């Protein structure tokens, strides 16, 4: 599933609520910073850089980075963003990672021989979807499928979005994002949401990525991507920075069963050379 598209929809509509509820910042104004075309050629960009002003008129840059799974290089990428925006705007910068999938050992500080860098991690998978519903925080309802709680929370969120007094186009966007994130829970709940609300979802540009004919493929691609990430993470935890050619080879694997075998190998081999041998066998 294209979770990046769903995230964009939620941030565009609910950035103030995300800042208040998830990050802990009471924003009077939050503006999404658009990159200039020439800046995106050679430089990476944060998922969502926001210029935020609080009630006292103080400004800062908040960099929101959404991650379906944790990767070792995330802190370094955040540091790259933070330095760039600090130089450009000369304002305080806060870096925030919003993590969808469960991971227990994620730190909120990176340190090496010359750098110490702090950032904030929002563990969405730890949040209680029922509590979000009780607080009526409708702008972050689309994230409920990745939170704690049963499927009934997802359908309650769907009902409240649909029955709200928001503009129809906004409802379409939020319902579509909710459906996309429901892919974390499996194909059946996505199908049920589509059957119930397809009439309004088709009005959202994001709906294009979950047309019924592409639904199964989207979910399967999401599962493949997760399996690749697990193999790469297991290797990087054990052996550190990985060679680019090995990363690309693993990312090119299209069979989940092969990736499951490689994950077992990653946890047992004693060197990258041994892993490459196993990789050659399972691909051969």
C-alpha atoms as a PDB file:
ATOM      1  CA  UNK A   1       0.000   0.000   0.000  1.00  0.00           C
ATOM      2  CA  UNK A   2       1.151   3.537  -0.650  1.00  0.00           C
ATOM      3  CA  UNK A   3       1.176   4.683   2.992  1.00  0.00           C
ATOM      4  CA  UNK A   4       3.064   7.829   2.004  1.00  0.00           C
ATOM      5  CA  UNK A   5       0.012   9.060   0.080  1.00  0.00           C
ATOM      6  CA  UNK A   6      -2.273   8.430   3.058  1.00  0.00           C
ATOM      7  CA  UNK A   7       0.136  10.222   5.377  1.00  0.00           C
ATOM      8  CA  UNK A   8       0.210  13.271   3.108  1.00  0.00           C
ATOM      9  CA  UNK A   9      -3.587  13.464   3.176  1.00  0.00           C
ATOM     10  CA  UNK A  10      -3.679  13.353   6.983  1.00  0.00           C
ATOM     11  CA  UNK A  11      -0.904  15.911   7.466  1.00  0.00           C
ATOM     12  CA  UNK A  12      -2.439  18.378   5.021  1.00  0.00           C
ATOM     13  CA  UNK A  13      -5.776  18.327   6.835  1.00  0.00           C
ATOM     14  CA  UNK A  14      -4.764  17.745  10.464  1.00  0.00           C
ATOM     15  CA  UNK A  15      -1.253  19.099  11.014  1.00  0.00           C
ATOM     16  CA  UNK A  16      -2.273  21.251  14.013  1.00  0.00           C
ATOM     17  CA  UNK A  17      -3.902  18.254  15.724  1.00  0.00           C
ATOM     18  CA  UNK A  18      -0.897  16.046  14.957  1.00  0.00           C
ATOM     19  CA  UNK A  19       1.404  18.654  16.495  1.00  0.00           C
ATOM     20  CA  UNK A  20      -0.762  19.043  19.599  1.00  0.00           C
ATOM     21  CA  UNK A  21      -1.758  15.442  20.287  1.00  0.00           C
ATOM     22  CA  UNK A  22       1.244  13.510  19.027  1.00  0.00           C
ATOM     23  CA  UNK A  23       4.169  15.926  19.329  1.00  0.00           C
ATOM     24  CA  UNK A  24       2.987  18.048  22.251  1.00  0.00           C
ATOM     25  CA  UNK A  25       3.131  21.450  20.526  1.00  0.00           C
ATOM     26  CA  UNK A  26       0.230  23.899  20.746  1.00  0.00           C
ATOM     27  CA  UNK A  27       0.433  25.566  17.334  1.00  0.00           C
ATOM     28  CA  UNK A  28      -1.456  28.721  16.397  1.00  0.00           C
ATOM     29  CA  UNK A  29      -0.186  28.387  12.852  1.00  0.00           C
ATOM     30  CA  UNK A  30       1.561  25.547  11.009  1.00  0.00           C
ATOM     31  CA  UNK A  31       2.694  25.927   7.433  1.00  0.00           C
ATOM     32  CA  UNK A  32       3.984  23.065   5.313  1.00  0.00           C
ATOM     33  CA  UNK A  33       7.275  24.142   3.761  1.00  0.00           C
ATOM     34  CA  UNK A  34       7.473  23.341   0.083  1.00  0.00           C
ATOM     35  CA  UNK A  35      10.914  22.570  -1.333  1.00  0.00           C
ATOM     36  CA  UNK A  36      12.173  24.549  -4.282  1.00  0.00           C
ATOM     37  CA  UNK A  37      12.649  22.384  -7.408  1.00  0.00           C
ATOM     38  CA  UNK A  38      16.413  22.948  -7.531  1.00  0.00           C
ATOM     39  CA  UNK A  39      16.748  21.794  -3.918  1.00  0.00           C
ATOM     40  CA  UNK A  40      15.306  18.351  -4.534  1.00  0.00           C
ATOM     41  CA  UNK A  41      17.854  17.353  -7.178  1.00  0.00           C
ATOM     42  CA  UNK A  42      20.840  16.737  -4.961  1.00  0.00           C
ATOM     43  CA  UNK A  43      19.390  16.979  -1.465  1.00  0.00           C
ATOM     44  CA  UNK A  44      17.108  14.657   0.417  1.00  0.00           C
ATOM     45  CA  UNK A  45      13.988  16.127   1.968  1.00  0.00           C
ATOM     46  CA  UNK A  46      12.114  15.510   5.159  1.00  0.00           C
ATOM     47  CA  UNK A  47       8.691  13.914   4.767  1.00  0.00           C
ATOM     48  CA  UNK A  48       6.917  16.983   6.161  1.00  0.00           C
ATOM     49  CA  UNK A  49       8.811  20.104   7.278  1.00  0.00           C
ATOM     50  CA  UNK A  50       6.476  22.496   9.101  1.00  0.00           C
ATOM     51  CA  UNK A  51       7.074  26.096  10.110  1.00  0.00           C
ATOM     52  CA  UNK A  52       5.208  26.418  13.402  1.00  0.00           C
ATOM     53  CA  UNK A  53       4.231  29.444  15.483  1.00  0.00           C
ATOM     54  CA  UNK A  54       2.943  29.104  19.067  1.00  0.00           C
ATOM     55  CA  UNK A  55       0.666  31.366  21.138  1.00  0.00           C
ATOM     56  CA  UNK A  56       3.600  33.489  22.291  1.00  0.00           C
ATOM     57  CA  UNK A  57       4.663  34.163  18.718  1.00  0.00           C
ATOM     58  CA  UNK A  58       7.719  31.912  18.877  1.00  0.00           C
ATOM     59  CA  UNK A  59       8.597  30.081  15.699  1.00  0.00           C
ATOM     60  CA  UNK A  60      10.345  26.799  15.068  1.00  0.00           C
ATOM     61  CA  UNK A  61      10.697  24.183  12.348  1.00  0.00           C
ATOM     62  CA  UNK A  62       9.218  20.751  13.079  1.00  0.00           C
ATOM     63  CA  UNK A  63      10.385  17.943  10.816  1.00  0.00           C
ATOM     64  CA  UNK A  64       7.891  15.057  10.703  1.00  0.00           C
ATOM     65  CA  UNK A  65       9.335  11.799   9.371  1.00  0.00           C
ATOM     66  CA  UNK A  66       6.888   8.887   9.025  1.00  0.00           C
ATOM     67  CA  UNK A  67       8.383   5.381   9.059  1.00  0.00           C
ATOM     68  CA  UNK A  68       6.571   2.083   8.573  1.00  0.00           C
ATOM     69  CA  UNK A  69       9.622   0.252   9.962  1.00  0.00           C
ATOM     70  CA  UNK A  70      12.798   1.409  11.700  1.00  0.00           C
ATOM     71  CA  UNK A  71      16.066   1.552   9.772  1.00  0.00           C
ATOM     72  CA  UNK A  72      19.507   2.204  11.208  1.00  0.00           C
ATOM     73  CA  UNK A  73      20.095   5.240   8.969  1.00  0.00           C
ATOM     74  CA  UNK A  74      16.961   7.144  10.084  1.00  0.00           C
ATOM     75  CA  UNK A  75      18.788   9.253  12.733  1.00  0.00           C
ATOM     76  CA  UNK A  76      21.467  10.260  10.228  1.00  0.00           C
ATOM     77  CA  UNK A  77      18.848  11.229   7.669  1.00  0.00           C
ATOM     78  CA  UNK A  78      17.068  13.312  10.328  1.00  0.00           C
ATOM     79  CA  UNK A  79      20.346  14.995  11.218  1.00  0.00           C
ATOM     80  CA  UNK A  80      20.868  15.866   7.549  1.00  0.00           C
ATOM     81  CA  UNK A  81      17.421  17.465   7.405  1.00  0.00           C
ATOM     82  CA  UNK A  82      17.890  19.276  10.704  1.00  0.00           C
ATOM     83  CA  UNK A  83      21.158  20.914   9.675  1.00  0.00           C
ATOM     84  CA  UNK A  84      19.747  21.986   6.322  1.00  0.00           C
ATOM     85  CA  UNK A  85      16.663  23.662   7.814  1.00  0.00           C
ATOM     86  CA  UNK A  86      18.669  25.218  10.640  1.00  0.00           C
ATOM     87  CA  UNK A  87      20.986  26.831   8.098  1.00  0.00           C
ATOM     88  CA  UNK A  88      18.168  27.976   5.872  1.00  0.00           C
ATOM     89  CA  UNK A  89      15.736  29.431   8.436  1.00  0.00           C
ATOM     90  CA  UNK A  90      17.953  30.083  11.481  1.00  0.00           C
ATOM     91  CA  UNK A  91      15.166  28.877  13.762  1.00  0.00           C
ATOM     92  CA  UNK A  92      15.019  26.130  16.407  1.00  0.00           C
ATOM     93  CA  UNK A  93      14.437  22.754  14.730  1.00  0.00           C
ATOM     94  CA  UNK A  94      12.729  19.694  16.221  1.00  0.00           C
ATOM     95  CA  UNK A  95      13.021  16.333  14.478  1.00  0.00           C
ATOM     96  CA  UNK A  96      10.193  13.839  15.036  1.00  0.00           C
ATOM     97  CA  UNK A  97       9.830  10.240  13.816  1.00  0.00           C
ATOM     98  CA  UNK A  98       6.323   8.756  13.767  1.00  0.00           C
ATOM     99  CA  UNK A  99       6.768   4.981  13.765  1.00  0.00           C
ATOM    100  CA  UNK A 100       3.944   2.713  12.600  1.00  0.00           C
ATOM    101  CA  UNK A 101       5.248  -0.783  13.277  1.00  0.00           C
ATOM    102  CA  UNK A 102       6.252  -2.248  16.614  1.00  0.00           C
ATOM    103  CA  UNK A 103       9.941  -1.982  17.481  1.00  0.00           C
ATOM    104  CA  UNK A 104      11.082  -2.121  21.113  1.00  0.00           C
ATOM    105  CA  UNK A 105      14.729  -1.018  20.895  1.00  0.00           C
ATOM    106  CA  UNK A 106      14.375   2.346  19.142  1.00  0.00           C
ATOM    107  CA  UNK A 107      16.440   5.039  20.865  1.00  0.00           C
ATOM    108  CA  UNK A 108      15.776   8.781  20.785  1.00  0.00           C
ATOM    109  CA  UNK A 109      19.423   9.736  20.567  1.00  0.00           C
ATOM    110  CA  UNK A 110      22.200   9.021  18.099  1.00  0.00           C
ATOM    111  CA  UNK A 111      25.817   9.162  19.217  1.00  0.00           C
ATOM    112  CA  UNK A 112      29.115   8.276  17.582  1.00  0.00           C
ATOM    113  CA  UNK A 113      32.735   9.368  17.898  1.00  0.00           C
ATOM    114  CA  UNK A 114      31.929  12.986  17.054  1.00  0.00           C
ATOM    115  CA  UNK A 115      28.138  13.540  17.110  1.00  0.00           C
ATOM    116  CA  UNK A 116      25.342  13.475  19.652  1.00  0.00           C
ATOM    117  CA  UNK A 117      21.915  14.107  18.173  1.00  0.00           C
ATOM    118  CA  UNK A 118      18.540  13.958  19.888  1.00  0.00           C
ATOM    119  CA  UNK A 119      15.163  13.477  18.223  1.00  0.00           C
ATOM    120  CA  UNK A 120      11.655  12.475  19.266  1.00  0.00           C
ATOM    121  CA  UNK A 121      10.026   9.121  18.451  1.00  0.00           C
ATOM    122  CA  UNK A 122       6.229   8.802  18.448  1.00  0.00           C
ATOM    123  CA  UNK A 123       5.343   5.111  18.692  1.00  0.00           C
ATOM    124  CA  UNK A 124       1.941   5.067  17.025  1.00  0.00           C
ATOM    125  CA  UNK A 125       1.632   1.316  17.608  1.00  0.00           C
ATOM    126  CA  UNK A 126       1.652   1.962  21.376  1.00  0.00           C
ATOM    127  CA  UNK A 127      -1.202   4.445  21.291  1.00  0.00           C
ATOM    128  CA  UNK A 128      -4.731   3.448  22.279  1.00  0.00           C
ATOM    129  CA  UNK A 129      -7.147   3.846  19.374  1.00  0.00           C
ATOM    130  CA  UNK A 130     -10.083   3.827  21.777  1.00  0.00           C
ATOM    131  CA  UNK A 131      -8.653   6.824  23.630  1.00  0.00           C
ATOM    132  CA  UNK A 132      -8.276   8.751  20.354  1.00  0.00           C
ATOM    133  CA  UNK A 133     -11.960   8.046  19.674  1.00  0.00           C
ATOM    134  CA  UNK A 134     -12.997   9.190  23.156  1.00  0.00           C
ATOM    135  CA  UNK A 135     -11.095  12.452  22.679  1.00  0.00           C
ATOM    136  CA  UNK A 136     -12.851  12.980  19.309  1.00  0.00           C
ATOM    137  CA  UNK A 137      -9.494  13.697  17.624  1.00  0.00           C
ATOM    138  CA  UNK A 138     -10.984  13.113  14.217  1.00  0.00           C
ATOM    139  CA  UNK A 139      -8.009  14.449  12.245  1.00  0.00           C
ATOM    140  CA  UNK A 140      -5.871  11.536  13.424  1.00  0.00           C
ATOM    141  CA  UNK A 141      -8.568   8.870  13.097  1.00  0.00           C
ATOM    142  CA  UNK A 142      -6.887   7.529   9.933  1.00  0.00           C
ATOM    143  CA  UNK A 143      -3.962   6.337  12.103  1.00  0.00           C
ATOM    144  CA  UNK A 144      -6.253   4.239  14.349  1.00  0.00           C
ATOM    145  CA  UNK A 145      -5.653   1.014  12.342  1.00  0.00           C
ATOM    146  CA  UNK A 146      -1.985   1.011  13.431  1.00  0.00           C
ATOM    147  CA  UNK A 147      -2.841   1.693  17.080  1.00  0.00           C
ATOM    148  CA  UNK A 148      -3.791  -0.680  19.885  1.00  0.00           C
ATOM    149  CA  UNK A 149      -7.380  -1.902  19.881  1.00  0.00           C
ATOM    150  CA  UNK A 150      -9.699  -4.093  17.867  1.00  0.00           C
ATOM    151  CA  UNK A 151     -11.203  -3.646  14.429  1.00  0.00           C
ATOM    152  CA  UNK A 152     -14.294  -2.126  16.047  1.00  0.00           C
ATOM    153  CA  UNK A 153     -12.245   1.036  16.646  1.00  0.00           C
ATOM    154  CA  UNK A 154     -11.576   1.302  12.922  1.00  0.00           C
ATOM    155  CA  UNK A 155     -15.259   1.038  12.055  1.00  0.00           C
ATOM    156  CA  UNK A 156     -16.212   3.530  14.775  1.00  0.00           C
ATOM    157  CA  UNK A 157     -13.705   5.969  13.273  1.00  0.00           C
ATOM    158  CA  UNK A 158     -15.203   5.353   9.848  1.00  0.00           C
ATOM    159  CA  UNK A 159     -18.736   6.053  11.103  1.00  0.00           C
ATOM    160  CA  UNK A 160     -17.715   9.266  12.859  1.00  0.00           C
ATOM    161  CA  UNK A 161     -15.820  10.604   9.861  1.00  0.00           C
ATOM    162  CA  UNK A 162     -18.702   9.775   7.532  1.00  0.00           C
ATOM    163  CA  UNK A 163     -21.301  11.306   9.872  1.00  0.00           C
ATOM    164  CA  UNK A 164     -19.326  14.452  10.638  1.00  0.00           C
ATOM    165  CA  UNK A 165     -20.172  17.920   9.314  1.00  0.00           C
ATOM    166  CA  UNK A 166     -16.886  18.244   7.417  1.00  0.00           C
ATOM    167  CA  UNK A 167     -16.887  19.023   3.731  1.00  0.00           C
ATOM    168  CA  UNK A 168     -17.507  15.988   1.577  1.00  0.00           C
ATOM    169  CA  UNK A 169     -14.084  16.192  -0.060  1.00  0.00           C
ATOM    170  CA  UNK A 170     -12.353  16.192   3.331  1.00  0.00           C
ATOM    171  CA  UNK A 171     -14.426  13.182   4.420  1.00  0.00           C
ATOM    172  CA  UNK A 172     -13.386  11.389   1.242  1.00  0.00           C
ATOM    173  CA  UNK A 173      -9.713  12.059   1.960  1.00  0.00           C
ATOM    174  CA  UNK A 174      -9.858  10.903   5.593  1.00  0.00           C
ATOM    175  CA  UNK A 175     -11.903   7.785   4.807  1.00  0.00           C
ATOM    176  CA  UNK A 176      -9.503   6.860   2.022  1.00  0.00           C
ATOM    177  CA  UNK A 177      -6.488   7.349   4.320  1.00  0.00           C
ATOM    178  CA  UNK A 178      -8.197   5.258   7.010  1.00  0.00           C
ATOM    179  CA  UNK A 179      -8.747   2.490   4.480  1.00  0.00           C
ATOM    180  CA  UNK A 180      -5.146   2.587   3.281  1.00  0.00           C
ATOM    181  CA  UNK A 181      -3.775   2.323   6.831  1.00  0.00           C
ATOM    182  CA  UNK A 182      -6.207  -0.531   7.491  1.00  0.00           C
ATOM    183  CA  UNK A 183      -3.925  -2.494   5.168  1.00  0.00           C
ATOM    184  CA  UNK A 184      -1.765  -3.016   8.277  1.00  0.00           C
ATOM    185  CA  UNK A 185      -4.575  -5.221   9.591  1.00  0.00           C
ATOM    186  CA  UNK A 186      -5.120  -7.261   6.452  1.00  0.00           C
ATOM    187  CA  UNK A 187      -7.099  -7.447   3.256  1.00  0.00           C
ATOM    188  CA  UNK A 188     -10.525  -8.237   4.681  1.00  0.00           C
ATOM    189  CA  UNK A 189     -10.992  -5.034   6.686  1.00  0.00           C
ATOM    190  CA  UNK A 190      -9.886  -2.985   3.669  1.00  0.00           C
ATOM    191  CA  UNK A 191     -12.494  -4.708   1.506  1.00  0.00           C
ATOM    192  CA  UNK A 192     -15.235  -4.061   4.053  1.00  0.00           C
ATOM    193  CA  UNK A 193     -14.397  -0.369   4.242  1.00  0.00           C
ATOM    194  CA  UNK A 194     -14.351  -0.117   0.463  1.00  0.00           C
ATOM    195  CA  UNK A 195     -17.725  -1.807   0.173  1.00  0.00           C
ATOM    196  CA  UNK A 196     -19.245   0.576   2.719  1.00  0.00           C
ATOM    197  CA  UNK A 197     -17.774   3.894   1.579  1.00  0.00           C
ATOM    198  CA  UNK A 198     -16.575   3.558  -1.999  1.00  0.00           C
ATOM    199  CA  UNK A 199     -19.268   6.053  -3.053  1.00  0.00           C
ATOM    200  CA  UNK A 200     -17.513   8.891  -1.245  1.00  0.00           C
ATOM    201  CA  UNK A 201     -13.908   7.650  -1.422  1.00  0.00           C
ATOM    202  CA  UNK A 202     -13.869   7.909  -5.200  1.00  0.00           C
ATOM    203  CA  UNK A 203     -13.943  11.688  -4.751  1.00  0.00           C
ATOM    204  CA  UNK A 204     -10.490  11.627  -3.139  1.00  0.00           C
ATOM    205  CA  UNK A 205      -7.371  11.716  -5.361  1.00  0.00           C
ATOM    206  CA  UNK A 206      -5.825   9.159  -2.991  1.00  0.00           C
ATOM    207  CA  UNK A 207      -8.491   6.628  -3.976  1.00  0.00           C
ATOM    208  CA  UNK A 208      -6.602   5.845  -7.177  1.00  0.00           C
ATOM    209  CA  UNK A 209      -4.125   3.694  -5.219  1.00  0.00           C
ATOM    210  CA  UNK A 210      -6.784   1.444  -3.686  1.00  0.00           C
ATOM    211  CA  UNK A 211      -9.046   0.674  -6.613  1.00  0.00           C
ATOM    212  CA  UNK A 212     -10.378  -2.815  -6.144  1.00  0.00           C
ATOM    213  CA  UNK A 213      -8.424  -4.245  -9.044  1.00  0.00           C
ATOM    214  CA  UNK A 214      -5.176  -3.150  -7.394  1.00  0.00           C
ATOM    215  CA  UNK A 215      -6.084  -3.930  -3.796  1.00  0.00           C
ATOM    216  CA  UNK A 216      -4.550  -7.382  -3.459  1.00  0.00           C
ATOM    217  CA  UNK A 217      -1.405  -6.327  -5.271  1.00  0.00           C
ATOM    218  CA  UNK A 218      -1.033  -3.330  -2.988  1.00  0.00           C
ATOM    219  CA  UNK A 219      -1.308  -5.390   0.177  1.00  0.00           C
ATOM    220  CA  UNK A 220       1.086  -8.012  -1.141  1.00  0.00           C
ATOM    221  CA  UNK A 221       3.590  -5.322  -2.095  1.00  0.00           C
ATOM    222  CA  UNK A 222       3.341  -3.910   1.400  1.00  0.00           C
ATOM    223  CA  UNK A 223       4.064  -7.325   2.903  1.00  0.00           C
ATOM    224  CA  UNK A 224       7.026  -7.772   0.557  1.00  0.00           C
ATOM    225  CA  UNK A 225       8.452  -4.402   1.512  1.00  0.00           C
ATOM    226  CA  UNK A 226       8.117  -5.222   5.201  1.00  0.00           C
ATOM    227  CA  UNK A 227       9.902  -8.563   4.697  1.00  0.00           C
ATOM    228  CA  UNK A 228      12.779  -6.829   2.873  1.00  0.00           C
ATOM    229  CA  UNK A 229      13.069  -4.259   5.655  1.00  0.00           C
ATOM    230  CA  UNK A 230      13.259  -7.019   8.274  1.00  0.00           C
ATOM    231  CA  UNK A 231      16.118  -8.750   6.444  1.00  0.00           C
ATOM    232  CA  UNK A 232      18.046  -5.501   6.002  1.00  0.00           C
ATOM    233  CA  UNK A 233      17.475  -4.494   9.611  1.00  0.00           C
ATOM    234  CA  UNK A 234      18.659  -7.866  10.942  1.00  0.00           C
ATOM    235  CA  UNK A 235      21.828  -7.597   8.860  1.00  0.00           C
ATOM    236  CA  UNK A 236      22.544  -3.966   9.774  1.00  0.00           C
ATOM    237  CA  UNK A 237      22.102  -4.628  13.516  1.00  0.00           C
ATOM    238  CA  UNK A 238      24.555  -7.499  13.269  1.00  0.00           C
ATOM    239  CA  UNK A 239      27.107  -6.180  10.768  1.00  0.00           C
ATOM    240  CA  UNK A 240      26.629  -2.396  10.659  1.00  0.00           C
ATOM    241  CA  UNK A 241      26.545  -0.423   7.420  1.00  0.00           C
ATOM    242  CA  UNK A 242      25.693  -2.706   4.490  1.00  0.00           C
ATOM    243  CA  UNK A 243      27.197  -2.617   0.981  1.00  0.00           C
ATOM    244  CA  UNK A 244      24.961  -0.847  -1.531  1.00  0.00           C
ATOM    245  CA  UNK A 245      25.013  -3.782  -3.960  1.00  0.00           C
ATOM    246  CA  UNK A 246      23.744  -6.139  -1.241  1.00  0.00           C
ATOM    247  CA  UNK A 247      20.937  -3.733  -0.279  1.00  0.00           C
ATOM    248  CA  UNK A 248      19.852  -3.426  -3.910  1.00  0.00           C
ATOM    249  CA  UNK A 249      19.929  -7.192  -4.405  1.00  0.00           C
ATOM    250  CA  UNK A 250      17.699  -7.772  -1.388  1.00  0.00           C
ATOM    251  CA  UNK A 251      15.317  -4.994  -2.454  1.00  0.00           C
ATOM    252  CA  UNK A 252      14.969  -6.692  -5.825  1.00  0.00           C
ATOM    253  CA  UNK A 253      13.644  -9.967  -4.377  1.00  0.00           C
ATOM    254  CA  UNK A 254       9.965 -10.470  -5.220  1.00  0.00           C
ATOM    255  CA  UNK A 255       9.158 -13.661  -3.296  1.00  0.00           C
ATOM    256  CA  UNK A 256       8.180 -13.469   0.362  1.00  0.00           C
ATOM    257  CA  UNK A 257       9.195 -17.078   1.037  1.00  0.00           C
ATOM    258  CA  UNK A 258      12.716 -16.312  -0.172  1.00  0.00           C
ATOM    259  CA  UNK A 259      12.846 -13.309   2.140  1.00  0.00           C
ATOM    260  CA  UNK A 260      11.699 -15.421   5.086  1.00  0.00           C
ATOM    261  CA  UNK A 261      14.568 -17.835   4.429  1.00  0.00           C
ATOM    262  CA  UNK A 262      16.989 -14.930   4.195  1.00  0.00           C
ATOM    263  CA  UNK A 263      15.766 -13.514   7.497  1.00  0.00           C
ATOM    264  CA  UNK A 264      16.563 -16.809   9.206  1.00  0.00           C
ATOM    265  CA  UNK A 265      19.978 -16.787   7.535  1.00  0.00           C
ATOM    266  CA  UNK A 266      20.631 -13.198   8.634  1.00  0.00           C
ATOM    267  CA  UNK A 267      20.096 -14.210  12.246  1.00  0.00           C
ATOM    268  CA  UNK A 268      22.463 -17.197  12.119  1.00  0.00           C
ATOM    269  CA  UNK A 269      25.381 -16.376   9.786  1.00  0.00           C
ATOM    270  CA  UNK A 270      28.646 -15.069  11.199  1.00  0.00           C
ATOM    271  CA  UNK A 271      29.687 -12.853   8.288  1.00  0.00           C
ATOM    272  CA  UNK A 272      28.296 -11.070   5.261  1.00  0.00           C
ATOM    273  CA  UNK A 273      30.215 -13.483   3.042  1.00  0.00           C
ATOM    274  CA  UNK A 274      28.285 -16.377   4.585  1.00  0.00           C
ATOM    275  CA  UNK A 275      25.060 -14.469   4.031  1.00  0.00           C
ATOM    276  CA  UNK A 276      25.934 -13.880   0.381  1.00  0.00           C
ATOM    277  CA  UNK A 277      26.470 -17.635  -0.006  1.00  0.00           C
ATOM    278  CA  UNK A 278      23.008 -18.291   1.469  1.00  0.00           C
ATOM    279  CA  UNK A 279      21.567 -15.602  -0.788  1.00  0.00           C
ATOM    280  CA  UNK A 280      23.029 -17.310  -3.830  1.00  0.00           C
ATOM    281  CA  UNK A 281      21.541 -20.661  -2.779  1.00  0.00           C
ATOM    282  CA  UNK A 282      17.994 -19.474  -2.141  1.00  0.00           C
ATOM    283  CA  UNK A 283      17.933 -17.405  -5.332  1.00  0.00           C
ATOM    284  CA  UNK A 284      19.496 -20.156  -7.388  1.00  0.00           C
END
